[in-house]
Amino acid sequence: MRRTAFILGSGLLLLVALWNSVTWHLQRFWGASGYFWQAQWERLLSTFEGKEWLLYILGATQVPVLLFWTVSGLLLVVDTTGKPNFISRYRIQVGKNDPAAQTWLHHGM
């Protein structure tokens, strides 16, 4: 029981110390760069002044959709061609979803 209390107490103390250290560093970083990001946001708002709906459509819908399809398209290229090899070697199901050309050659079609 003492060993468990010692381990859990030490782990909790270490976690709290780590958390405080991380938040302190992040606060110092944000304090140093906070003005820069605030200035960028104000410049963006002044650019779209009176057209906040356009900022919503571009920022909340189009940017995530473009990012999603870009990453998915790259993964689709890896799935269909098997290249680059450094990505395709991490497949979970080996032999499944192989590129069509390799599957046809392997099965003799």
N, C-alpha and C. Protein backbone atom coordinates (compact mmCIF):
# COMPACT_ATOMS: atom_id res chain seq x y z
N MET A 1 0.82 -1.19 0.00
CA MET A 1 0.00 0.00 0.00
C MET A 1 0.87 1.26 0.00
N ARG A 2 1.96 1.24 0.79
CA ARG A 2 2.85 2.39 0.82
C ARG A 2 3.54 2.61 -0.52
N ARG A 3 3.92 1.48 -1.14
CA ARG A 3 4.60 1.56 -2.43
C ARG A 3 3.67 2.17 -3.48
N THR A 4 2.41 1.76 -3.49
CA THR A 4 1.43 2.31 -4.43
C THR A 4 1.22 3.79 -4.18
N ALA A 5 1.07 4.17 -2.91
CA ALA A 5 0.89 5.59 -2.57
C ALA A 5 2.12 6.40 -2.98
N PHE A 6 3.31 5.84 -2.77
CA PHE A 6 4.53 6.55 -3.15
C PHE A 6 4.62 6.74 -4.65
N ILE A 7 4.32 5.68 -5.40
CA ILE A 7 4.39 5.76 -6.87
C ILE A 7 3.35 6.73 -7.40
N LEU A 8 2.11 6.61 -6.93
CA LEU A 8 1.06 7.51 -7.42
C LEU A 8 1.33 8.95 -7.00
N GLY A 9 1.78 9.16 -5.76
CA GLY A 9 2.09 10.51 -5.29
C GLY A 9 3.23 11.13 -6.06
N SER A 10 4.27 10.35 -6.32
CA SER A 10 5.41 10.87 -7.10
C SER A 10 5.00 11.18 -8.53
N GLY A 11 4.20 10.29 -9.11
CA GLY A 11 3.74 10.52 -10.48
C GLY A 11 2.87 11.77 -10.57
N LEU A 12 1.99 11.96 -9.60
CA LEU A 12 1.12 13.14 -9.59
C LEU A 12 1.95 14.41 -9.42
N LEU A 13 2.92 14.39 -8.52
CA LEU A 13 3.78 15.54 -8.30
C LEU A 13 4.58 15.87 -9.56
N LEU A 14 5.11 14.86 -10.21
CA LEU A 14 5.86 15.07 -11.45
C LEU A 14 4.96 15.62 -12.55
N LEU A 15 3.74 15.11 -12.65
CA LEU A 15 2.80 15.59 -13.67
C LEU A 15 2.44 17.06 -13.44
N VAL A 16 2.19 17.44 -12.20
CA VAL A 16 1.85 18.83 -11.88
C VAL A 16 3.04 19.75 -12.18
N ALA A 17 4.25 19.32 -11.83
CA ALA A 17 5.44 20.13 -12.10
C ALA A 17 5.65 20.30 -13.60
N LEU A 18 5.47 19.22 -14.35
CA LEU A 18 5.61 19.29 -15.81
C LEU A 18 4.55 20.21 -16.41
N TRP A 19 3.32 20.09 -15.94
CA TRP A 19 2.23 20.91 -16.45
C TRP A 19 2.50 22.39 -16.19
N ASN A 20 2.95 22.72 -14.98
CA ASN A 20 3.26 24.12 -14.67
C ASN A 20 4.40 24.64 -15.51
N SER A 21 5.39 23.82 -15.77
CA SER A 21 6.52 24.24 -16.59
C SER A 21 6.08 24.50 -18.04
N VAL A 22 5.27 23.60 -18.56
CA VAL A 22 4.80 23.76 -19.95
C VAL A 22 3.93 25.01 -20.08
N THR A 23 3.01 25.22 -19.15
CA THR A 23 2.15 26.41 -19.24
C THR A 23 2.98 27.69 -19.08
N TRP A 24 4.01 27.68 -18.24
CA TRP A 24 4.85 28.86 -18.08
C TRP A 24 5.56 29.19 -19.39
N HIS A 25 6.12 28.16 -20.04
CA HIS A 25 6.82 28.40 -21.31
C HIS A 25 5.85 28.87 -22.39
N LEU A 26 4.66 28.30 -22.44
CA LEU A 26 3.69 28.73 -23.45
C LEU A 26 3.23 30.16 -23.21
N GLN A 27 3.05 30.55 -21.95
CA GLN A 27 2.66 31.92 -21.65
C GLN A 27 3.76 32.90 -22.06
N ARG A 28 5.00 32.54 -21.83
CA ARG A 28 6.10 33.42 -22.24
C ARG A 28 6.17 33.53 -23.77
N PHE A 29 5.98 32.41 -24.46
CA PHE A 29 6.00 32.44 -25.92
C PHE A 29 4.85 33.28 -26.46
N TRP A 30 3.64 33.07 -25.91
CA TRP A 30 2.49 33.80 -26.41
C TRP A 30 2.62 35.28 -26.10
N GLY A 31 3.19 35.60 -24.95
CA GLY A 31 3.40 37.01 -24.62
C GLY A 31 4.33 37.68 -25.60
N ALA A 32 5.32 36.95 -26.07
CA ALA A 32 6.29 37.51 -27.01
C ALA A 32 5.70 37.64 -28.41
N SER A 33 4.85 36.68 -28.81
CA SER A 33 4.34 36.72 -30.18
C SER A 33 2.87 37.11 -30.24
N GLY A 34 2.26 37.39 -29.10
CA GLY A 34 0.83 37.71 -29.07
C GLY A 34 0.48 38.94 -29.88
N TYR A 35 1.32 39.98 -29.80
CA TYR A 35 1.03 41.19 -30.55
C TYR A 35 1.05 40.92 -32.05
N PHE A 36 1.99 40.10 -32.50
CA PHE A 36 2.08 39.78 -33.92
C PHE A 36 0.80 39.13 -34.41
N TRP A 37 0.30 38.11 -33.67
CA TRP A 37 -0.90 37.41 -34.11
C TRP A 37 -2.13 38.30 -34.01
N GLN A 38 -2.18 39.15 -32.99
CA GLN A 38 -3.30 40.08 -32.87
C GLN A 38 -3.30 41.06 -34.04
N ALA A 39 -2.14 41.54 -34.43
CA ALA A 39 -2.04 42.47 -35.56
C ALA A 39 -2.47 41.78 -36.86
N GLN A 40 -2.10 40.52 -37.04
CA GLN A 40 -2.51 39.79 -38.24
C GLN A 40 -4.02 39.61 -38.29
N TRP A 41 -4.60 39.28 -37.13
CA TRP A 41 -6.06 39.09 -37.07
C TRP A 41 -6.78 40.40 -37.37
N GLU A 42 -6.31 41.52 -36.82
CA GLU A 42 -6.94 42.81 -37.07
C GLU A 42 -6.80 43.21 -38.54
N ARG A 43 -5.67 42.88 -39.14
CA ARG A 43 -5.49 43.18 -40.57
C ARG A 43 -6.45 42.36 -41.42
N LEU A 44 -6.64 41.09 -41.05
CA LEU A 44 -7.59 40.24 -41.77
C LEU A 44 -9.01 40.76 -41.61
N LEU A 45 -9.38 41.15 -40.40
CA LEU A 45 -10.72 41.69 -40.19
C LEU A 45 -10.95 42.98 -40.95
N SER A 46 -9.94 43.83 -41.02
CA SER A 46 -10.11 45.09 -41.76
C SER A 46 -10.20 44.84 -43.26
N THR A 47 -9.57 43.76 -43.74
CA THR A 47 -9.66 43.40 -45.15
C THR A 47 -11.09 42.99 -45.51
N PHE A 48 -11.74 42.23 -44.63
CA PHE A 48 -13.09 41.74 -44.88
C PHE A 48 -14.15 42.58 -44.19
N GLU A 49 -13.86 43.81 -43.88
CA GLU A 49 -14.80 44.66 -43.15
C GLU A 49 -16.10 44.83 -43.92
N GLY A 50 -17.20 44.52 -43.27
CA GLY A 50 -18.51 44.60 -43.91
C GLY A 50 -18.90 43.33 -44.64
N LYS A 51 -17.97 42.40 -44.81
CA LYS A 51 -18.24 41.14 -45.50
C LYS A 51 -17.79 39.96 -44.63
N GLU A 52 -18.27 39.95 -43.39
CA GLU A 52 -17.87 38.89 -42.47
C GLU A 52 -18.36 37.52 -42.94
N TRP A 53 -19.46 37.50 -43.69
CA TRP A 53 -19.98 36.23 -44.21
C TRP A 53 -18.98 35.60 -45.17
N LEU A 54 -18.27 36.43 -45.93
CA LEU A 54 -17.26 35.91 -46.85
C LEU A 54 -16.06 35.33 -46.08
N LEU A 55 -15.69 36.00 -45.00
CA LEU A 55 -14.63 35.46 -44.14
C LEU A 55 -15.04 34.13 -43.55
N TYR A 56 -16.31 34.00 -43.16
CA TYR A 56 -16.81 32.73 -42.64
C TYR A 56 -16.75 31.64 -43.70
N ILE A 57 -17.24 31.95 -44.90
CA ILE A 57 -17.29 30.94 -45.96
C ILE A 57 -15.88 30.49 -46.34
N LEU A 58 -14.96 31.43 -46.45
CA LEU A 58 -13.60 31.07 -46.83
C LEU A 58 -12.86 30.38 -45.69
N GLY A 59 -12.97 30.91 -44.49
CA GLY A 59 -12.18 30.41 -43.38
C GLY A 59 -12.72 29.17 -42.71
N ALA A 60 -14.05 29.07 -42.62
CA ALA A 60 -14.63 27.96 -41.86
C ALA A 60 -15.06 26.80 -42.75
N THR A 61 -15.18 27.03 -44.03
CA THR A 61 -15.62 25.93 -44.90
C THR A 61 -14.60 25.58 -45.97
N GLN A 62 -14.10 26.57 -46.69
CA GLN A 62 -13.26 26.27 -47.85
C GLN A 62 -11.85 25.83 -47.46
N VAL A 63 -11.26 26.45 -46.47
CA VAL A 63 -9.89 26.08 -46.07
C VAL A 63 -9.84 24.64 -45.54
N PRO A 64 -10.75 24.22 -44.63
CA PRO A 64 -10.71 22.82 -44.20
C PRO A 64 -10.99 21.82 -45.32
N VAL A 65 -11.92 22.16 -46.21
CA VAL A 65 -12.22 21.27 -47.33
C VAL A 65 -11.01 21.13 -48.24
N LEU A 66 -10.35 22.24 -48.53
CA LEU A 66 -9.16 22.20 -49.39
C LEU A 66 -8.04 21.40 -48.74
N LEU A 67 -7.83 21.59 -47.45
CA LEU A 67 -6.81 20.84 -46.74
C LEU A 67 -7.13 19.34 -46.73
N PHE A 68 -8.40 19.00 -46.46
CA PHE A 68 -8.80 17.59 -46.43
C PHE A 68 -8.56 16.92 -47.77
N TRP A 69 -9.01 17.55 -48.86
CA TRP A 69 -8.88 16.92 -50.17
C TRP A 69 -7.44 16.89 -50.66
N THR A 70 -6.62 17.83 -50.22
CA THR A 70 -5.20 17.78 -50.58
C THR A 70 -4.52 16.57 -49.95
N VAL A 71 -4.72 16.40 -48.65
CA VAL A 71 -4.11 15.26 -47.96
C VAL A 71 -4.69 13.94 -48.47
N SER A 72 -6.01 13.89 -48.65
CA SER A 72 -6.64 12.67 -49.14
C SER A 72 -6.20 12.34 -50.56
N GLY A 73 -6.01 13.36 -51.38
CA GLY A 73 -5.53 13.13 -52.74
C GLY A 73 -4.13 12.56 -52.76
N LEU A 74 -3.27 13.07 -51.87
CA LEU A 74 -1.92 12.51 -51.80
C LEU A 74 -1.94 11.05 -51.35
N LEU A 75 -2.81 10.74 -50.38
CA LEU A 75 -2.91 9.35 -49.93
C LEU A 75 -3.53 8.46 -51.01
N LEU A 76 -4.42 9.01 -51.83
CA LEU A 76 -5.00 8.26 -52.94
C LEU A 76 -3.93 7.93 -53.98
N VAL A 77 -3.04 8.87 -54.23
CA VAL A 77 -1.93 8.61 -55.17
C VAL A 77 -1.05 7.50 -54.62
N VAL A 78 -0.77 7.52 -53.32
CA VAL A 78 0.04 6.46 -52.71
C VAL A 78 -0.68 5.13 -52.82
N ASP A 79 -2.00 5.12 -52.62
CA ASP A 79 -2.76 3.88 -52.70
C ASP A 79 -2.79 3.30 -54.11
N THR A 80 -2.89 4.16 -55.12
CA THR A 80 -3.02 3.65 -56.48
C THR A 80 -1.67 3.32 -57.12
N THR A 81 -0.62 4.04 -56.75
CA THR A 81 0.67 3.79 -57.39
C THR A 81 1.63 2.99 -56.53
N GLY A 82 1.45 3.02 -55.22
CA GLY A 82 2.38 2.33 -54.34
C GLY A 82 3.65 3.12 -54.09
N LYS A 83 3.69 4.33 -54.59
CA LYS A 83 4.88 5.17 -54.43
C LYS A 83 4.47 6.46 -53.77
N PRO A 84 5.21 7.04 -52.94
CA PRO A 84 6.53 6.66 -52.46
C PRO A 84 6.46 5.51 -51.48
N ASN A 85 7.47 4.71 -51.52
CA ASN A 85 7.50 3.47 -50.73
C ASN A 85 7.58 3.73 -49.23
N PHE A 86 8.17 4.85 -48.81
CA PHE A 86 8.30 5.10 -47.38
C PHE A 86 6.95 5.34 -46.71
N ILE A 87 5.92 5.69 -47.47
CA ILE A 87 4.58 5.82 -46.90
C ILE A 87 3.83 4.50 -46.99
N SER A 88 3.92 3.84 -48.13
CA SER A 88 3.12 2.62 -48.33
C SER A 88 3.63 1.44 -47.51
N ARG A 89 4.82 1.50 -46.99
CA ARG A 89 5.30 0.37 -46.18
C ARG A 89 4.67 0.34 -44.79
N TYR A 90 3.97 1.38 -44.39
CA TYR A 90 3.32 1.42 -43.08
C TYR A 90 1.86 0.99 -43.14
N ARG A 91 1.48 0.30 -44.16
CA ARG A 91 0.10 -0.17 -44.29
C ARG A 91 -0.21 -1.19 -43.22
N ILE A 92 -1.42 -1.15 -42.74
CA ILE A 92 -1.84 -2.08 -41.70
C ILE A 92 -2.20 -3.42 -42.32
N GLN A 93 -2.92 -3.41 -43.43
CA GLN A 93 -3.35 -4.64 -44.08
C GLN A 93 -2.46 -4.89 -45.29
N VAL A 94 -1.44 -5.68 -45.10
CA VAL A 94 -0.52 -5.98 -46.19
C VAL A 94 -1.24 -6.86 -47.21
N GLY A 95 -1.14 -6.50 -48.48
CA GLY A 95 -1.79 -7.25 -49.54
C GLY A 95 -3.17 -6.72 -49.89
N LYS A 96 -3.74 -5.87 -49.05
CA LYS A 96 -5.04 -5.26 -49.34
C LYS A 96 -4.79 -3.90 -49.97
N ASN A 97 -5.65 -3.52 -50.88
CA ASN A 97 -5.59 -2.22 -51.56
C ASN A 97 -4.25 -2.00 -52.26
N ASP A 98 -3.68 -3.07 -52.79
CA ASP A 98 -2.47 -2.89 -53.57
C ASP A 98 -2.82 -2.16 -54.85
N PRO A 99 -1.86 -1.47 -55.44
CA PRO A 99 -2.14 -0.81 -56.70
C PRO A 99 -2.64 -1.80 -57.75
N ALA A 100 -3.54 -1.35 -58.61
CA ALA A 100 -4.20 -2.23 -59.58
C ALA A 100 -3.20 -2.92 -60.49
N ALA A 101 -2.19 -2.21 -60.96
CA ALA A 101 -1.22 -2.82 -61.88
C ALA A 101 -0.46 -3.95 -61.21
N GLN A 102 -0.09 -3.78 -59.95
CA GLN A 102 0.64 -4.83 -59.24
C GLN A 102 -0.27 -6.02 -58.97
N THR A 103 -1.55 -5.79 -58.69
CA THR A 103 -2.49 -6.87 -58.43
C THR A 103 -2.71 -7.70 -59.68
N TRP A 104 -2.86 -7.04 -60.84
CA TRP A 104 -3.07 -7.77 -62.08
C TRP A 104 -1.85 -8.59 -62.45
N LEU A 105 -0.67 -8.05 -62.25
CA LEU A 105 0.53 -8.81 -62.57
C LEU A 105 0.71 -9.98 -61.62
N HIS A 106 0.37 -9.80 -60.37
CA HIS A 106 0.54 -10.85 -59.39
C HIS A 106 -0.41 -12.02 -59.63
N HIS A 107 -1.64 -11.72 -60.05
CA HIS A 107 -2.63 -12.77 -60.25
C HIS A 107 -2.63 -13.29 -61.69
N GLY A 108 -1.79 -12.75 -62.54
CA GLY A 108 -1.66 -13.23 -63.91
C GLY A 108 -2.80 -12.83 -64.82
N MET A 109 -3.42 -11.70 -64.56
CA MET A 109 -4.53 -11.25 -65.42
C MET A 109 -4.03 -10.46 -66.58
